[in-house]
Amino acid sequence: MRKEKIVESAVLGTPVVALCGKIWVPSRDPQKFPVCPECKAIHDEMPRGDDSEQ
C-alpha cells in the first residue's frame, strides 16, 4: 500500500488491511510501534518493484 493511502486512512479513519490480513485503522505514528512479524515476513518475500510506486 502506498504511504499516501495509509496517511489518508489515518486522517479519515477508514480501515486498511495489513499484509497479514488484520484490519485496522492507522491512528498513531508508525515509527513508534514495531512491525508485525507476520507482515514483515510476507513483505520480505515479496519481489522488489519500481521505487517510483512508493
Protein backbone atom coordinates (compact mmCIF):
# COMPACT_ATOMS: atom_id res chain seq x y z
CA MET A 1 0.00 0.00 0.00
CA ARG A 2 1.26 3.43 -0.79
CA LYS A 3 2.18 5.65 2.12
CA GLU A 4 -0.35 8.24 0.95
CA LYS A 5 -3.16 5.71 1.42
CA ILE A 6 -2.07 5.00 5.00
CA VAL A 7 -1.97 8.71 5.78
CA GLU A 8 -5.38 9.15 4.16
CA SER A 9 -6.76 6.29 6.26
CA ALA A 10 -5.35 7.83 9.42
CA VAL A 11 -6.91 11.20 8.64
CA LEU A 12 -10.27 9.88 7.50
CA GLY A 13 -10.45 6.97 9.94
CA THR A 14 -11.00 4.35 7.25
CA PRO A 15 -9.74 0.82 7.91
CA VAL A 16 -6.91 -0.78 5.96
CA VAL A 17 -5.92 -4.42 5.57
CA ALA A 18 -2.39 -5.35 6.60
CA LEU A 19 -0.37 -7.93 4.67
CA CYS A 20 -1.20 -10.50 7.35
CA GLY A 21 -4.91 -9.87 6.88
CA LYS A 22 -5.53 -7.87 10.05
CA ILE A 23 -7.96 -4.98 9.53
CA TRP A 24 -7.04 -1.84 11.44
CA VAL A 25 -7.32 1.95 11.41
CA PRO A 26 -3.93 3.70 11.43
CA SER A 27 -4.15 6.31 14.17
CA ARG A 28 -0.67 6.67 15.61
CA ASP A 29 2.85 7.39 14.44
CA PRO A 30 4.00 4.05 12.96
CA GLN A 31 7.63 4.88 13.78
CA LYS A 32 6.80 4.37 17.48
CA PHE A 33 5.50 0.80 17.06
CA PRO A 34 7.09 -2.49 15.99
CA VAL A 35 6.26 -4.06 12.63
CA CYS A 36 4.02 -7.11 12.80
CA PRO A 37 6.35 -10.14 12.46
CA GLU A 38 3.94 -11.88 10.06
CA CYS A 39 3.66 -8.76 7.86
CA LYS A 40 7.45 -8.38 7.86
CA ALA A 41 7.92 -11.99 6.74
CA ILE A 42 5.39 -11.53 3.93
CA HIS A 43 6.97 -8.23 2.88
CA ASP A 44 10.46 -9.76 2.85
CA GLU A 45 9.24 -12.48 0.45
CA MET A 46 7.68 -10.01 -1.98
CA PRO A 47 9.59 -9.15 -5.17
CA ARG A 48 11.17 -5.72 -5.25
CA GLY A 49 9.36 -3.30 -7.52
CA ASP A 50 9.94 0.04 -9.12
CA ASP A 51 10.84 2.67 -6.48
CA SER A 52 8.57 5.23 -8.15
CA GLU A 53 5.48 3.40 -6.78
CA GLN A 54 6.29 4.01 -3.09
